[in-house]
Amino acid sequence: MAEGYGRLTGTPPVLLTTAGPGITKVVTPIAQAYTESVPMLVLAVDNYASTIATPMGRFHGIPELRIILSPVSTWMGTADSPEELYRIANLAGPC
């Protein structure tokens, strides 16, 4: 749906998901947009990083997200605060 929005409007869509199962569910649409040169900004909230040693953290906190997404991404960044998110978004530049 995000890719379709980008194609119809000419505006890069923003896809917001959670880490873990959330990001793994959107790898295929991200890959499709990437291979068809449709710009897309993907924000994955990793609020489980601090609980990686717990059962919930092991399920939701996937430390290998960069490895999973690198073949279908042009650029990736990590923000640990709202201020850092603003800086990272500026580094990413236009989609």
C-alpha atoms as a PDB file:
ATOM      1  CA  MET A   1       0.000   0.000   0.000  1.00  0.00           C
ATOM      2  CA  ALA A   2       2.843   2.411   0.832  1.00  0.00           C
ATOM      3  CA  GLU A   3       4.490   1.732  -2.518  1.00  0.00           C
ATOM      4  CA  GLY A   4       1.189   2.367  -4.320  1.00  0.00           C
ATOM      5  CA  TYR A   5       0.819   5.677  -2.499  1.00  0.00           C
ATOM      6  CA  GLY A   6       4.299   6.675  -3.608  1.00  0.00           C
ATOM      7  CA  ARG A   7       3.598   5.767  -7.215  1.00  0.00           C
ATOM      8  CA  LEU A   8       0.255   7.601  -7.317  1.00  0.00           C
ATOM      9  CA  THR A   9       1.318  10.783  -5.551  1.00  0.00           C
ATOM     10  CA  GLY A  10       4.994  11.031  -6.450  1.00  0.00           C
ATOM     11  CA  THR A  11       5.647  11.562  -2.742  1.00  0.00           C
ATOM     12  CA  PRO A  12       7.837   9.068  -0.875  1.00  0.00           C
ATOM     13  CA  PRO A  13       5.634   7.195   1.588  1.00  0.00           C
ATOM     14  CA  VAL A  14       6.525   6.726   5.240  1.00  0.00           C
ATOM     15  CA  LEU A  15       6.099   3.202   6.554  1.00  0.00           C
ATOM     16  CA  LEU A  16       5.988   2.880  10.354  1.00  0.00           C
ATOM     17  CA  THR A  17       6.320  -0.517  11.998  1.00  0.00           C
ATOM     18  CA  THR A  18       7.676  -2.210  15.088  1.00  0.00           C
ATOM     19  CA  ALA A  19      10.874  -4.183  15.322  1.00  0.00           C
ATOM     20  CA  GLY A  20      10.893  -7.959  15.326  1.00  0.00           C
ATOM     21  CA  PRO A  21       7.849  -9.434  13.613  1.00  0.00           C
ATOM     22  CA  GLY A  22       6.729  -5.997  12.447  1.00  0.00           C
ATOM     23  CA  ILE A  23       9.812  -5.367  10.335  1.00  0.00           C
ATOM     24  CA  THR A  24       9.990  -8.924   9.034  1.00  0.00           C
ATOM     25  CA  LYS A  25       6.428  -8.571   7.718  1.00  0.00           C
ATOM     26  CA  VAL A  26       7.382  -5.550   5.614  1.00  0.00           C
ATOM     27  CA  VAL A  27      10.642  -6.841   4.127  1.00  0.00           C
ATOM     28  CA  THR A  28       8.864  -8.027   0.965  1.00  0.00           C
ATOM     29  CA  PRO A  29       7.108  -4.695   0.258  1.00  0.00           C
ATOM     30  CA  ILE A  30      10.354  -2.850   1.006  1.00  0.00           C
ATOM     31  CA  ALA A  31      12.192  -5.137  -1.427  1.00  0.00           C
ATOM     32  CA  GLN A  32       9.561  -4.566  -4.107  1.00  0.00           C
ATOM     33  CA  ALA A  33       9.795  -0.790  -3.728  1.00  0.00           C
ATOM     34  CA  TYR A  34      13.594  -0.999  -3.758  1.00  0.00           C
ATOM     35  CA  THR A  35      13.796  -3.107  -6.923  1.00  0.00           C
ATOM     36  CA  GLU A  36      11.280  -0.860  -8.688  1.00  0.00           C
ATOM     37  CA  SER A  37      13.096   2.323  -7.579  1.00  0.00           C
ATOM     38  CA  VAL A  38      10.165   3.638  -5.547  1.00  0.00           C
ATOM     39  CA  PRO A  39      11.584   5.790  -2.718  1.00  0.00           C
ATOM     40  CA  MET A  40      10.263   4.910   0.738  1.00  0.00           C
ATOM     41  CA  LEU A  41      11.097   5.980   4.282  1.00  0.00           C
ATOM     42  CA  VAL A  42      10.771   3.104   6.761  1.00  0.00           C
ATOM     43  CA  LEU A  43      10.722   3.785  10.497  1.00  0.00           C
ATOM     44  CA  ALA A  44      10.969   0.747  12.759  1.00  0.00           C
ATOM     45  CA  VAL A  45      10.472   1.347  16.460  1.00  0.00           C
ATOM     46  CA  ASP A  46      12.747  -0.937  18.450  1.00  0.00           C
ATOM     47  CA  ASN A  47      11.382  -0.511  21.946  1.00  0.00           C
ATOM     48  CA  TYR A  48      12.511  -4.000  22.937  1.00  0.00           C
ATOM     49  CA  ALA A  49      16.272  -3.471  22.643  1.00  0.00           C
ATOM     50  CA  SER A  50      16.633  -3.059  26.402  1.00  0.00           C
ATOM     51  CA  THR A  51      14.828  -6.368  27.023  1.00  0.00           C
ATOM     52  CA  ILE A  52      16.766  -8.502  24.530  1.00  0.00           C
ATOM     53  CA  ALA A  53      17.701 -10.980  27.280  1.00  0.00           C
ATOM     54  CA  THR A  54      14.046 -11.648  28.174  1.00  0.00           C
ATOM     55  CA  PRO A  55      11.671 -13.948  26.264  1.00  0.00           C
ATOM     56  CA  MET A  56       9.723 -10.945  24.905  1.00  0.00           C
ATOM     57  CA  GLY A  57      12.944  -9.203  23.917  1.00  0.00           C
ATOM     58  CA  ARG A  58      14.270 -12.264  22.097  1.00  0.00           C
ATOM     59  CA  PHE A  59      11.083 -12.371  20.040  1.00  0.00           C
ATOM     60  CA  HIS A  60      10.758  -8.673  19.266  1.00  0.00           C
ATOM     61  CA  GLY A  61      14.342  -7.448  19.447  1.00  0.00           C
ATOM     62  CA  ILE A  62      16.094  -8.773  16.364  1.00  0.00           C
ATOM     63  CA  PRO A  63      19.695  -7.545  16.499  1.00  0.00           C
ATOM     64  CA  GLU A  64      20.301  -8.616  12.895  1.00  0.00           C
ATOM     65  CA  LEU A  65      17.845  -6.113  11.373  1.00  0.00           C
ATOM     66  CA  ARG A  66      20.631  -4.370   9.466  1.00  0.00           C
ATOM     67  CA  ILE A  67      21.688  -7.675   7.913  1.00  0.00           C
ATOM     68  CA  ILE A  68      18.093  -8.474   6.969  1.00  0.00           C
ATOM     69  CA  LEU A  69      17.425  -5.054   5.427  1.00  0.00           C
ATOM     70  CA  SER A  70      20.786  -4.197   3.839  1.00  0.00           C
ATOM     71  CA  PRO A  71      20.100  -5.953   0.496  1.00  0.00           C
ATOM     72  CA  VAL A  72      16.912  -3.894   0.010  1.00  0.00           C
ATOM     73  CA  SER A  73      17.991  -0.566   1.524  1.00  0.00           C
ATOM     74  CA  THR A  74      19.949   2.355   0.221  1.00  0.00           C
ATOM     75  CA  TRP A  75      20.653   3.875   3.626  1.00  0.00           C
ATOM     76  CA  MET A  76      20.008   2.998   7.296  1.00  0.00           C
ATOM     77  CA  GLY A  77      20.437   4.933  10.510  1.00  0.00           C
ATOM     78  CA  THR A  78      19.672   4.427  14.194  1.00  0.00           C
ATOM     79  CA  ALA A  79      18.252   7.030  16.571  1.00  0.00           C
ATOM     80  CA  ASP A  80      18.221   6.657  20.341  1.00  0.00           C
ATOM     81  CA  SER A  81      16.285   9.857  21.110  1.00  0.00           C
ATOM     82  CA  PRO A  82      13.860  12.281  19.421  1.00  0.00           C
ATOM     83  CA  GLU A  83      16.733  14.681  18.800  1.00  0.00           C
ATOM     84  CA  GLU A  84      18.765  11.902  17.210  1.00  0.00           C
ATOM     85  CA  LEU A  85      15.795  10.964  15.004  1.00  0.00           C
ATOM     86  CA  TYR A  86      15.717  14.504  13.626  1.00  0.00           C
ATOM     87  CA  ARG A  87      19.455  14.364  12.885  1.00  0.00           C
ATOM     88  CA  ILE A  88      19.176  10.928  11.257  1.00  0.00           C
ATOM     89  CA  ALA A  89      16.225  12.044   9.113  1.00  0.00           C
ATOM     90  CA  ASN A  90      18.298  14.959   7.833  1.00  0.00           C
ATOM     91  CA  LEU A  91      21.218  12.639   7.076  1.00  0.00           C
ATOM     92  CA  ALA A  92      18.925  10.335   5.115  1.00  0.00           C
ATOM     93  CA  GLY A  93      18.019  13.241   2.886  1.00  0.00           C
ATOM     94  CA  PRO A  94      15.279  13.075   0.318  1.00  0.00           C
ATOM     95  CA  CYS A  95      14.081   9.557  -0.309  1.00  0.00           C
END
